[in-house]
């Protein structure tokens, strides 16, 4: 059964593979995450308040917003310049190009 909604808020840090295989809904992390948040994301939204590493591998669609730093970027994203999201300017990337993905990755 596939669910398209819902929201989870993490008040601290999260571990590796946060939101793996998401199909919808939203996860907000007020801290940092481990490696590979949004792995195989297929339509959900992840907002990371802190830092992470290798976000969005194999993301087909969906959105990941990182408000901290990214220790290592996946080489499967295409830089698209900058874009304002909710009044904040982010570097915008699209991909994962290997899987023909239409995901959006925003990094502050």
PDB file of N, CA and C in Angstrom:
ATOM      1  N   UNK A   1       0.849  -1.178   0.000  1.00  0.00           N
ATOM      2  CA  UNK A   1       0.000   0.000   0.000  1.00  0.00           C
ATOM      3  C   UNK A   1       0.892   1.237   0.000  1.00  0.00           C
ATOM      4  N   UNK A   2       0.601   2.190  -0.825  1.00  0.00           N
ATOM      5  CA  UNK A   2       1.415   3.385  -0.966  1.00  0.00           C
ATOM      6  C   UNK A   2       0.729   4.574  -0.305  1.00  0.00           C
ATOM      7  N   UNK A   3       1.473   5.262   0.553  1.00  0.00           N
ATOM      8  CA  UNK A   3       0.958   6.447   1.237  1.00  0.00           C
ATOM      9  C   UNK A   3       1.647   7.683   0.676  1.00  0.00           C
ATOM     10  N   UNK A   4       0.910   8.744   0.470  1.00  0.00           N
ATOM     11  CA  UNK A   4       1.477   9.936  -0.159  1.00  0.00           C
ATOM     12  C   UNK A   4       1.627  11.112   0.790  1.00  0.00           C
ATOM     13  N   UNK A   5       1.213  10.978   2.025  1.00  0.00           N
ATOM     14  CA  UNK A   5       1.255  12.143   2.894  1.00  0.00           C
ATOM     15  C   UNK A   5       1.911  11.866   4.220  1.00  0.00           C
ATOM     16  N   UNK A   6       1.785  12.822   5.103  1.00  0.00           N
ATOM     17  CA  UNK A   6       2.347  12.694   6.435  1.00  0.00           C
ATOM     18  C   UNK A   6       3.589  13.534   6.599  1.00  0.00           C
ATOM     19  N   UNK A   7       3.924  13.816   7.855  1.00  0.00           N
ATOM     20  CA  UNK A   7       5.076  14.646   8.157  1.00  0.00           C
ATOM     21  C   UNK A   7       5.723  14.128   9.431  1.00  0.00           C
ATOM     22  N   UNK A   8       7.047  14.001   9.386  1.00  0.00           N
ATOM     23  CA  UNK A   8       7.827  13.592  10.545  1.00  0.00           C
ATOM     24  C   UNK A   8       8.822  14.706  10.835  1.00  0.00           C
ATOM     25  N   UNK A   9       8.913  15.120  12.102  1.00  0.00           N
ATOM     26  CA  UNK A   9       9.896  16.110  12.503  1.00  0.00           C
ATOM     27  C   UNK A   9      10.835  15.473  13.515  1.00  0.00           C
ATOM     28  N   UNK A  10      12.138  15.538  13.220  1.00  0.00           N
ATOM     29  CA  UNK A  10      13.173  15.030  14.119  1.00  0.00           C
ATOM     30  C   UNK A  10      13.782  16.245  14.809  1.00  0.00           C
ATOM     31  N   UNK A  11      13.717  16.265  16.127  1.00  0.00           N
ATOM     32  CA  UNK A  11      14.158  17.440  16.874  1.00  0.00           C
ATOM     33  C   UNK A  11      15.676  17.514  17.058  1.00  0.00           C
ATOM     34  N   UNK A  12      16.398  16.487  16.710  1.00  0.00           N
ATOM     35  CA  UNK A  12      17.862  16.478  16.832  1.00  0.00           C
ATOM     36  C   UNK A  12      18.482  15.966  15.551  1.00  0.00           C
ATOM     37  N   UNK A  13      19.485  15.108  15.681  1.00  0.00           N
ATOM     38  CA  UNK A  13      20.173  14.527  14.531  1.00  0.00           C
ATOM     39  C   UNK A  13      19.513  13.221  14.116  1.00  0.00           C
ATOM     40  N   UNK A  14      19.748  12.808  12.867  1.00  0.00           N
ATOM     41  CA  UNK A  14      19.254  11.536  12.357  1.00  0.00           C
ATOM     42  C   UNK A  14      20.439  10.735  11.822  1.00  0.00           C
ATOM     43  N   UNK A  15      20.265   9.439  11.717  1.00  0.00           N
ATOM     44  CA  UNK A  15      21.341   8.569  11.274  1.00  0.00           C
ATOM     45  C   UNK A  15      21.368   8.421   9.749  1.00  0.00           C
ATOM     46  N   UNK A  16      22.118   7.438   9.278  1.00  0.00           N
ATOM     47  CA  UNK A  16      22.272   7.177   7.840  1.00  0.00           C
ATOM     48  C   UNK A  16      20.952   6.731   7.204  1.00  0.00           C
ATOM     49  N   UNK A  17      20.834   6.967   5.902  1.00  0.00           N
ATOM     50  CA  UNK A  17      19.738   6.480   5.046  1.00  0.00           C
ATOM     51  C   UNK A  17      18.366   7.041   5.433  1.00  0.00           C
ATOM     52  N   UNK A  18      18.333   8.230   5.996  1.00  0.00           N
ATOM     53  CA  UNK A  18      17.065   8.872   6.353  1.00  0.00           C
ATOM     54  C   UNK A  18      16.173   8.978   5.118  1.00  0.00           C
ATOM     55  N   UNK A  19      14.945   8.535   5.207  1.00  0.00           N
ATOM     56  CA  UNK A  19      13.991   8.674   4.108  1.00  0.00           C
ATOM     57  C   UNK A  19      14.268   7.768   2.922  1.00  0.00           C
ATOM     58  N   UNK A  20      14.965   6.669   3.143  1.00  0.00           N
ATOM     59  CA  UNK A  20      15.258   5.735   2.044  1.00  0.00           C
ATOM     60  C   UNK A  20      13.949   5.214   1.448  1.00  0.00           C
ATOM     61  N   UNK A  21      13.825   5.285   0.135  1.00  0.00           N
ATOM     62  CA  UNK A  21      12.658   4.810  -0.634  1.00  0.00           C
ATOM     63  C   UNK A  21      11.367   5.564  -0.295  1.00  0.00           C
ATOM     64  N   UNK A  22      11.457   6.834   0.080  1.00  0.00           N
ATOM     65  CA  UNK A  22      10.255   7.648   0.329  1.00  0.00           C
ATOM     66  C   UNK A  22       9.421   7.731  -0.941  1.00  0.00           C
ATOM     67  N   UNK A  23       8.117   7.747  -0.777  1.00  0.00           N
ATOM     68  CA  UNK A  23       7.214   7.926  -1.927  1.00  0.00           C
ATOM     69  C   UNK A  23       6.350   9.164  -1.769  1.00  0.00           C
ATOM     70  N   UNK A  24       6.462   9.859  -0.666  1.00  0.00           N
ATOM     71  CA  UNK A  24       5.671  11.057  -0.425  1.00  0.00           C
ATOM     72  C   UNK A  24       5.873  11.510   0.996  1.00  0.00           C
ATOM     73  N   UNK A  25       5.174  12.541   1.358  1.00  0.00           N
ATOM     74  CA  UNK A  25       5.284  13.065   2.713  1.00  0.00           C
ATOM     75  C   UNK A  25       6.500  13.952   2.872  1.00  0.00           C
ATOM     76  N   UNK A  26       6.790  14.279   4.121  1.00  0.00           N
ATOM     77  CA  UNK A  26       7.867  15.218   4.425  1.00  0.00           C
ATOM     78  C   UNK A  26       8.571  14.805   5.712  1.00  0.00           C
ATOM     79  N   UNK A  27       9.902  14.900   5.691  1.00  0.00           N
ATOM     80  CA  UNK A  27      10.710  14.686   6.885  1.00  0.00           C
ATOM     81  C   UNK A  27      11.526  15.950   7.115  1.00  0.00           C
ATOM     82  N   UNK A  28      11.437  16.498   8.318  1.00  0.00           N
ATOM     83  CA  UNK A  28      12.210  17.678   8.688  1.00  0.00           C
ATOM     84  C   UNK A  28      13.152  17.259   9.812  1.00  0.00           C
ATOM     85  N   UNK A  29      14.449  17.510   9.619  1.00  0.00           N
ATOM     86  CA  UNK A  29      15.450  17.204  10.639  1.00  0.00           C
ATOM     87  C   UNK A  29      16.051  18.522  11.099  1.00  0.00           C
ATOM     88  N   UNK A  30      15.931  18.816  12.377  1.00  0.00           N
ATOM     89  CA  UNK A  30      16.458  20.073  12.898  1.00  0.00           C
ATOM     90  C   UNK A  30      17.955  20.036  13.164  1.00  0.00           C
ATOM     91  N   UNK A  31      18.593  18.903  12.936  1.00  0.00           N
ATOM     92  CA  UNK A  31      20.031  18.761  13.133  1.00  0.00           C
ATOM     93  C   UNK A  31      20.691  18.237  11.873  1.00  0.00           C
ATOM     94  N   UNK A  32      21.729  17.426  12.066  1.00  0.00           N
ATOM     95  CA  UNK A  32      22.477  16.818  10.975  1.00  0.00           C
ATOM     96  C   UNK A  32      21.922  15.428  10.652  1.00  0.00           C
ATOM     97  N   UNK A  33      22.288  14.900   9.484  1.00  0.00           N
ATOM     98  CA  UNK A  33      21.964  13.514   9.162  1.00  0.00           C
ATOM     99  C   UNK A  33      23.245  12.786   8.782  1.00  0.00           C
ATOM    100  N   UNK A  34      23.182  11.458   8.827  1.00  0.00           N
ATOM    101  CA  UNK A  34      24.298  10.641   8.379  1.00  0.00           C
ATOM    102  C   UNK A  34      24.356  10.622   6.858  1.00  0.00           C
ATOM    103  N   UNK A  35      25.010   9.610   6.319  1.00  0.00           N
ATOM    104  CA  UNK A  35      25.191   9.529   4.867  1.00  0.00           C
ATOM    105  C   UNK A  35      23.903   9.108   4.156  1.00  0.00           C
ATOM    106  N   UNK A  36      23.822   9.501   2.920  1.00  0.00           N
ATOM    107  CA  UNK A  36      22.792   9.085   1.965  1.00  0.00           C
ATOM    108  C   UNK A  36      21.344   9.365   2.384  1.00  0.00           C
ATOM    109  N   UNK A  37      21.033  10.558   2.870  1.00  0.00           N
ATOM    110  CA  UNK A  37      19.615  10.853   3.100  1.00  0.00           C
ATOM    111  C   UNK A  37      18.885  10.910   1.759  1.00  0.00           C
ATOM    112  N   UNK A  38      17.667  10.413   1.737  1.00  0.00           N
ATOM    113  CA  UNK A  38      16.875  10.440   0.505  1.00  0.00           C
ATOM    114  C   UNK A  38      17.301   9.417  -0.524  1.00  0.00           C
ATOM    115  N   UNK A  39      17.988   8.373  -0.117  1.00  0.00           N
ATOM    116  CA  UNK A  39      18.400   7.310  -1.033  1.00  0.00           C
ATOM    117  C   UNK A  39      17.165   6.728  -1.718  1.00  0.00           C
ATOM    118  N   UNK A  40      17.157   6.736  -3.035  1.00  0.00           N
ATOM    119  CA  UNK A  40      16.034   6.229  -3.843  1.00  0.00           C
ATOM    120  C   UNK A  40      14.721   6.944  -3.544  1.00  0.00           C
ATOM    121  N   UNK A  41      14.807   8.232  -3.214  1.00  0.00           N
ATOM    122  CA  UNK A  41      13.609   9.050  -2.984  1.00  0.00           C
ATOM    123  C   UNK A  41      12.761   9.023  -4.249  1.00  0.00           C
ATOM    124  N   UNK A  42      11.467   8.833  -4.074  1.00  0.00           N
ATOM    125  CA  UNK A  42      10.561   8.757  -5.211  1.00  0.00           C
ATOM    126  C   UNK A  42       9.360   9.666  -5.014  1.00  0.00           C
ATOM    127  N   UNK A  43       9.590  10.837  -4.410  1.00  0.00           N
ATOM    128  CA  UNK A  43       8.492  11.787  -4.323  1.00  0.00           C
ATOM    129  C   UNK A  43       8.347  12.506  -3.005  1.00  0.00           C
ATOM    130  N   UNK A  44       9.157  12.211  -2.024  1.00  0.00           N
ATOM    131  CA  UNK A  44       9.043  12.886  -0.744  1.00  0.00           C
ATOM    132  C   UNK A  44       9.915  14.125  -0.664  1.00  0.00           C
ATOM    133  N   UNK A  45       9.745  14.861   0.427  1.00  0.00           N
ATOM    134  CA  UNK A  45      10.534  16.061   0.678  1.00  0.00           C
ATOM    135  C   UNK A  45      11.279  15.885   2.000  1.00  0.00           C
ATOM    136  N   UNK A  46      12.592  16.155   1.968  1.00  0.00           N
ATOM    137  CA  UNK A  46      13.419  16.087   3.163  1.00  0.00           C
ATOM    138  C   UNK A  46      14.074  17.449   3.349  1.00  0.00           C
ATOM    139  N   UNK A  47      13.942  18.008   4.541  1.00  0.00           N
ATOM    140  CA  UNK A  47      14.581  19.274   4.871  1.00  0.00           C
ATOM    141  C   UNK A  47      15.550  19.000   6.015  1.00  0.00           C
ATOM    142  N   UNK A  48      16.839  19.271   5.768  1.00  0.00           N
ATOM    143  CA  UNK A  48      17.879  19.022   6.756  1.00  0.00           C
ATOM    144  C   UNK A  48      18.379  20.371   7.269  1.00  0.00           C
ATOM    145  N   UNK A  49      18.220  20.600   8.555  1.00  0.00           N
ATOM    146  CA  UNK A  49      18.624  21.875   9.139  1.00  0.00           C
ATOM    147  C   UNK A  49      20.126  22.038   9.244  1.00  0.00           C
ATOM    148  N   UNK A  50      20.835  20.929   9.357  1.00  0.00           N
ATOM    149  CA  UNK A  50      22.284  20.957   9.503  1.00  0.00           C
ATOM    150  C   UNK A  50      22.992  20.397   8.289  1.00  0.00           C
ATOM    151  N   UNK A  51      24.012  19.595   8.548  1.00  0.00           N
ATOM    152  CA  UNK A  51      24.881  19.077   7.494  1.00  0.00           C
ATOM    153  C   UNK A  51      24.634  17.593   7.228  1.00  0.00           C
ATOM    154  N   UNK A  52      25.171  17.118   6.097  1.00  0.00           N
ATOM    155  CA  UNK A  52      25.012  15.728   5.700  1.00  0.00           C
ATOM    156  C   UNK A  52      26.106  15.338   4.720  1.00  0.00           C
ATOM    157  N   UNK A  53      26.023  14.133   4.171  1.00  0.00           N
ATOM    158  CA  UNK A  53      26.963  13.673   3.156  1.00  0.00           C
ATOM    159  C   UNK A  53      26.237  12.785   2.146  1.00  0.00           C
ATOM    160  N   UNK A  54      26.501  13.016   0.879  1.00  0.00           N
ATOM    161  CA  UNK A  54      25.976  12.238  -0.251  1.00  0.00           C
ATOM    162  C   UNK A  54      24.444  12.167  -0.301  1.00  0.00           C
ATOM    163  N   UNK A  55      23.761  13.293  -0.276  1.00  0.00           N
ATOM    164  CA  UNK A  55      22.303  13.263  -0.321  1.00  0.00           C
ATOM    165  C   UNK A  55      21.756  12.877  -1.696  1.00  0.00           C
ATOM    166  N   UNK A  56      20.632  12.157  -1.694  1.00  0.00           N
ATOM    167  CA  UNK A  56      19.843  11.940  -2.902  1.00  0.00           C
ATOM    168  C   UNK A  56      20.333  10.942  -3.917  1.00  0.00           C
ATOM    169  N   UNK A  57      21.155   9.994  -3.533  1.00  0.00           N
ATOM    170  CA  UNK A  57      21.596   8.990  -4.496  1.00  0.00           C
ATOM    171  C   UNK A  57      20.392   8.212  -5.027  1.00  0.00           C
ATOM    172  N   UNK A  58      20.352   8.008  -6.321  1.00  0.00           N
ATOM    173  CA  UNK A  58      19.278   7.272  -7.000  1.00  0.00           C
ATOM    174  C   UNK A  58      17.902   7.912  -6.830  1.00  0.00           C
ATOM    175  N   UNK A  59      17.851   9.211  -6.591  1.00  0.00           N
ATOM    176  CA  UNK A  59      16.577   9.907  -6.422  1.00  0.00           C
ATOM    177  C   UNK A  59      15.898  10.065  -7.775  1.00  0.00           C
ATOM    178  N   UNK A  60      14.693   9.521  -7.905  1.00  0.00           N
ATOM    179  CA  UNK A  60      13.931   9.614  -9.152  1.00  0.00           C
ATOM    180  C   UNK A  60      13.111  10.901  -9.214  1.00  0.00           C
ATOM    181  N   UNK A  61      12.511  11.269  -8.091  1.00  0.00           N
ATOM    182  CA  UNK A  61      11.804  12.531  -7.949  1.00  0.00           C
ATOM    183  C   UNK A  61      11.731  12.851  -6.475  1.00  0.00           C
ATOM    184  N   UNK A  62      11.304  14.044  -6.170  1.00  0.00           N
ATOM    185  CA  UNK A  62      11.293  14.483  -4.787  1.00  0.00           C
ATOM    186  C   UNK A  62      12.231  15.660  -4.603  1.00  0.00           C
ATOM    187  N   UNK A  63      12.357  16.114  -3.370  1.00  0.00           N
ATOM    188  CA  UNK A  63      13.153  17.288  -3.050  1.00  0.00           C
ATOM    189  C   UNK A  63      13.931  17.061  -1.764  1.00  0.00           C
ATOM    190  N   UNK A  64      15.194  17.478  -1.773  1.00  0.00           N
ATOM    191  CA  UNK A  64      16.008  17.487  -0.562  1.00  0.00           C
ATOM    192  C   UNK A  64      16.593  18.888  -0.425  1.00  0.00           C
ATOM    193  N   UNK A  65      16.409  19.473   0.752  1.00  0.00           N
ATOM    194  CA  UNK A  65      16.953  20.798   1.052  1.00  0.00           C
ATOM    195  C   UNK A  65      17.939  20.650   2.198  1.00  0.00           C
ATOM    196  N   UNK A  66      19.174  21.130   1.983  1.00  0.00           N
ATOM    197  CA  UNK A  66      20.210  21.052   3.011  1.00  0.00           C
ATOM    198  C   UNK A  66      20.606  22.476   3.403  1.00  0.00           C
ATOM    199  N   UNK A  67      20.393  22.806   4.679  1.00  0.00           N
ATOM    200  CA  UNK A  67      20.703  24.147   5.162  1.00  0.00           C
ATOM    201  C   UNK A  67      22.095  24.264   5.757  1.00  0.00           C
ATOM    202  N   UNK A  68      22.805  23.174   5.873  1.00  0.00           N
ATOM    203  CA  UNK A  68      24.185  23.175   6.349  1.00  0.00           C
ATOM    204  C   UNK A  68      25.108  22.844   5.193  1.00  0.00           C
ATOM    205  N   UNK A  69      26.203  22.184   5.502  1.00  0.00           N
ATOM    206  CA  UNK A  69      27.156  21.819   4.454  1.00  0.00           C
ATOM    207  C   UNK A  69      26.948  20.368   4.013  1.00  0.00           C
ATOM    208  N   UNK A  70      27.470  20.065   2.831  1.00  0.00           N
ATOM    209  CA  UNK A  70      27.455  18.703   2.305  1.00  0.00           C
ATOM    210  C   UNK A  70      28.911  18.248   2.225  1.00  0.00           C
ATOM    211  N   UNK A  71      29.276  17.259   3.052  1.00  0.00           N
ATOM    212  CA  UNK A  71      30.664  16.798   3.120  1.00  0.00           C
ATOM    213  C   UNK A  71      31.120  16.176   1.804  1.00  0.00           C
ATOM    214  N   UNK A  72      30.235  15.434   1.164  1.00  0.00           N
ATOM    215  CA  UNK A  72      30.555  14.825  -0.129  1.00  0.00           C
ATOM    216  C   UNK A  72      29.302  14.832  -0.991  1.00  0.00           C
ATOM    217  N   UNK A  73      29.451  15.312  -2.210  1.00  0.00           N
ATOM    218  CA  UNK A  73      28.330  15.409  -3.147  1.00  0.00           C
ATOM    219  C   UNK A  73      28.366  14.212  -4.095  1.00  0.00           C
ATOM    220  N   UNK A  74      27.209  13.645  -4.380  1.00  0.00           N
ATOM    221  CA  UNK A  74      27.134  12.572  -5.372  1.00  0.00           C
ATOM    222  C   UNK A  74      27.451  13.175  -6.746  1.00  0.00           C
ATOM    223  N   UNK A  75      28.248  12.496  -7.573  1.00  0.00           N
ATOM    224  CA  UNK A  75      28.615  13.039  -8.890  1.00  0.00           C
ATOM    225  C   UNK A  75      27.528  12.863  -9.948  1.00  0.00           C
ATOM    226  N   UNK A  76      26.311  12.552  -9.541  1.00  0.00           N
ATOM    227  CA  UNK A  76      25.223  12.250 -10.465  1.00  0.00           C
ATOM    228  C   UNK A  76      24.194  13.378 -10.549  1.00  0.00           C
ATOM    229  N   UNK A  77      24.609  14.574 -10.111  1.00  0.00           N
ATOM    230  CA  UNK A  77      23.712  15.727 -10.138  1.00  0.00           C
ATOM    231  C   UNK A  77      24.231  16.798 -11.064  1.00  0.00           C
ATOM    232  N   UNK A  78      23.315  17.470 -11.719  1.00  0.00           N
ATOM    233  CA  UNK A  78      23.640  18.554 -12.638  1.00  0.00           C
ATOM    234  C   UNK A  78      23.386  19.884 -11.942  1.00  0.00           C
ATOM    235  N   UNK A  79      24.407  20.732 -11.890  1.00  0.00           N
ATOM    236  CA  UNK A  79      24.255  22.064 -11.292  1.00  0.00           C
ATOM    237  C   UNK A  79      23.362  22.920 -12.173  1.00  0.00           C
ATOM    238  N   UNK A  80      22.402  23.611 -11.568  1.00  0.00           N
ATOM    239  CA  UNK A  80      21.426  24.429 -12.292  1.00  0.00           C
ATOM    240  C   UNK A  80      21.441  25.884 -11.830  1.00  0.00           C
ATOM    241  N   UNK A  81      22.539  26.339 -11.217  1.00  0.00           N
ATOM    242  CA  UNK A  81      22.609  27.717 -10.737  1.00  0.00           C
ATOM    243  C   UNK A  81      22.035  27.836  -9.343  1.00  0.00           C
ATOM    244  N   UNK A  82      21.340  28.949  -9.097  1.00  0.00           N
ATOM    245  CA  UNK A  82      20.740  29.165  -7.781  1.00  0.00           C
ATOM    246  C   UNK A  82      19.232  29.367  -7.930  1.00  0.00           C
ATOM    247  N   UNK A  83      18.531  29.182  -6.822  1.00  0.00           N
ATOM    248  CA  UNK A  83      17.081  29.388  -6.803  1.00  0.00           C
ATOM    249  C   UNK A  83      16.665  29.761  -5.390  1.00  0.00           C
ATOM    250  N   UNK A  84      15.698  30.658  -5.285  1.00  0.00           N
ATOM    251  CA  UNK A  84      15.142  31.027  -3.987  1.00  0.00           C
ATOM    252  C   UNK A  84      14.020  30.064  -3.613  1.00  0.00           C
ATOM    253  N   UNK A  85      14.100  29.543  -2.398  1.00  0.00           N
ATOM    254  CA  UNK A  85      13.060  28.678  -1.844  1.00  0.00           C
ATOM    255  C   UNK A  85      12.680  29.269  -0.502  1.00  0.00           C
ATOM    256  N   UNK A  86      11.453  29.692  -0.368  1.00  0.00           N
ATOM    257  CA  UNK A  86      10.954  30.298   0.879  1.00  0.00           C
ATOM    258  C   UNK A  86      11.851  31.437   1.351  1.00  0.00           C
ATOM    259  N   UNK A  87      12.307  32.265   0.425  1.00  0.00           N
ATOM    260  CA  UNK A  87      13.097  33.438   0.755  1.00  0.00           C
ATOM    261  C   UNK A  87      14.578  33.184   1.004  1.00  0.00           C
ATOM    262  N   UNK A  88      15.043  31.956   0.795  1.00  0.00           N
ATOM    263  CA  UNK A  88      16.452  31.603   0.992  1.00  0.00           C
ATOM    264  C   UNK A  88      17.036  31.197  -0.359  1.00  0.00           C
ATOM    265  N   UNK A  89      18.240  31.674  -0.670  1.00  0.00           N
ATOM    266  CA  UNK A  89      18.896  31.328  -1.922  1.00  0.00           C
ATOM    267  C   UNK A  89      19.750  30.075  -1.733  1.00  0.00           C
ATOM    268  N   UNK A  90      19.497  29.085  -2.574  1.00  0.00           N
ATOM    269  CA  UNK A  90      20.213  27.810  -2.533  1.00  0.00           C
ATOM    270  C   UNK A  90      20.882  27.541  -3.872  1.00  0.00           C
ATOM    271  N   UNK A  91      21.948  26.723  -3.841  1.00  0.00           N
ATOM    272  CA  UNK A  91      22.485  26.149  -5.068  1.00  0.00           C
ATOM    273  C   UNK A  91      21.519  25.034  -5.464  1.00  0.00           C
ATOM    274  N   UNK A  92      21.114  25.018  -6.727  1.00  0.00           N
ATOM    275  CA  UNK A  92      20.124  24.048  -7.192  1.00  0.00           C
ATOM    276  C   UNK A  92      20.801  22.989  -8.058  1.00  0.00           C
ATOM    277  N   UNK A  93      20.427  21.734  -7.810  1.00  0.00           N
ATOM    278  CA  UNK A  93      20.916  20.601  -8.593  1.00  0.00           C
ATOM    279  C   UNK A  93      19.731  19.728  -8.991  1.00  0.00           C
ATOM    280  N   UNK A  94      19.834  19.081 -10.153  1.00  0.00           N
ATOM    281  CA  UNK A  94      18.805  18.136 -10.579  1.00  0.00           C
ATOM    282  C   UNK A  94      19.451  16.773 -10.835  1.00  0.00           C
ATOM    283  N   UNK A  95      18.666  15.723 -10.668  1.00  0.00           N
ATOM    284  CA  UNK A  95      19.180  14.370 -10.883  1.00  0.00           C
ATOM    285  C   UNK A  95      18.348  13.381 -10.097  1.00  0.00           C
ATOM    286  N   UNK A  96      18.834  12.337  -9.848  1.00  0.00           N
ATOM    287  CA  UNK A  96      20.049  11.633 -10.195  1.00  0.00           C
ATOM    288  C   UNK A  96      20.014  11.314 -11.694  1.00  0.00           C
ATOM    289  N   UNK A  97      20.950  11.867 -12.459  1.00  0.00           N
ATOM    290  CA  UNK A  97      20.946  11.707 -13.914  1.00  0.00           C
ATOM    291  C   UNK A  97      21.150  10.267 -14.355  1.00  0.00           C
ATOM    292  N   UNK A  98      21.794   9.431 -13.542  1.00  0.00           N
ATOM    293  CA  UNK A  98      22.025   8.032 -13.897  1.00  0.00           C
ATOM    294  C   UNK A  98      20.702   7.271 -14.016  1.00  0.00           C
ATOM    295  N   UNK A  99      19.738   7.575 -13.150  1.00  0.00           N
ATOM    296  CA  UNK A  99      18.449   6.883 -13.187  1.00  0.00           C
ATOM    297  C   UNK A  99      17.380   7.714 -13.899  1.00  0.00           C
ATOM    298  N   UNK A 100      17.810   8.773 -14.620  1.00  0.00           N
ATOM    299  CA  UNK A 100      16.850   9.629 -15.310  1.00  0.00           C
ATOM    300  C   UNK A 100      15.977  10.418 -14.351  1.00  0.00           C
ATOM    301  N   UNK A 101      16.498  10.662 -13.175  1.00  0.00           N
ATOM    302  CA  UNK A 101      15.722  11.295 -12.115  1.00  0.00           C
ATOM    303  C   UNK A 101      15.371  12.742 -12.359  1.00  0.00           C
ATOM    304  N   UNK A 102      14.285  13.146 -11.769  1.00  0.00           N
ATOM    305  CA  UNK A 102      13.796  14.507 -11.828  1.00  0.00           C
ATOM    306  C   UNK A 102      13.801  15.134 -10.442  1.00  0.00           C
ATOM    307  N   UNK A 103      14.679  14.622  -9.589  1.00  0.00           N
ATOM    308  CA  UNK A 103      14.762  15.115  -8.222  1.00  0.00           C
ATOM    309  C   UNK A 103      15.393  16.491  -8.150  1.00  0.00           C
ATOM    310  N   UNK A 104      15.085  17.206  -7.081  1.00  0.00           N
ATOM    311  CA  UNK A 104      15.650  18.529  -6.827  1.00  0.00           C
ATOM    312  C   UNK A 104      16.448  18.477  -5.545  1.00  0.00           C
ATOM    313  N   UNK A 105      17.668  18.984  -5.630  1.00  0.00           N
ATOM    314  CA  UNK A 105      18.546  19.047  -4.468  1.00  0.00           C
ATOM    315  C   UNK A 105      18.968  20.497  -4.292  1.00  0.00           C
ATOM    316  N   UNK A 106      18.653  21.075  -3.140  1.00  0.00           N
ATOM    317  CA  UNK A 106      18.999  22.459  -2.839  1.00  0.00           C
ATOM    318  C   UNK A 106      19.993  22.481  -1.680  1.00  0.00           C
ATOM    319  N   UNK A 107      21.109  23.167  -1.867  1.00  0.00           N
ATOM    320  CA  UNK A 107      22.147  23.231  -0.835  1.00  0.00           C
ATOM    321  C   UNK A 107      22.481  24.683  -0.541  1.00  0.00           C
ATOM    322  N   UNK A 108      22.419  25.046   0.716  1.00  0.00           N
ATOM    323  CA  UNK A 108      22.724  26.412   1.131  1.00  0.00           C
ATOM    324  C   UNK A 108      24.196  26.583   1.152  1.00  0.00           C
TER     325      UNK A 108
END
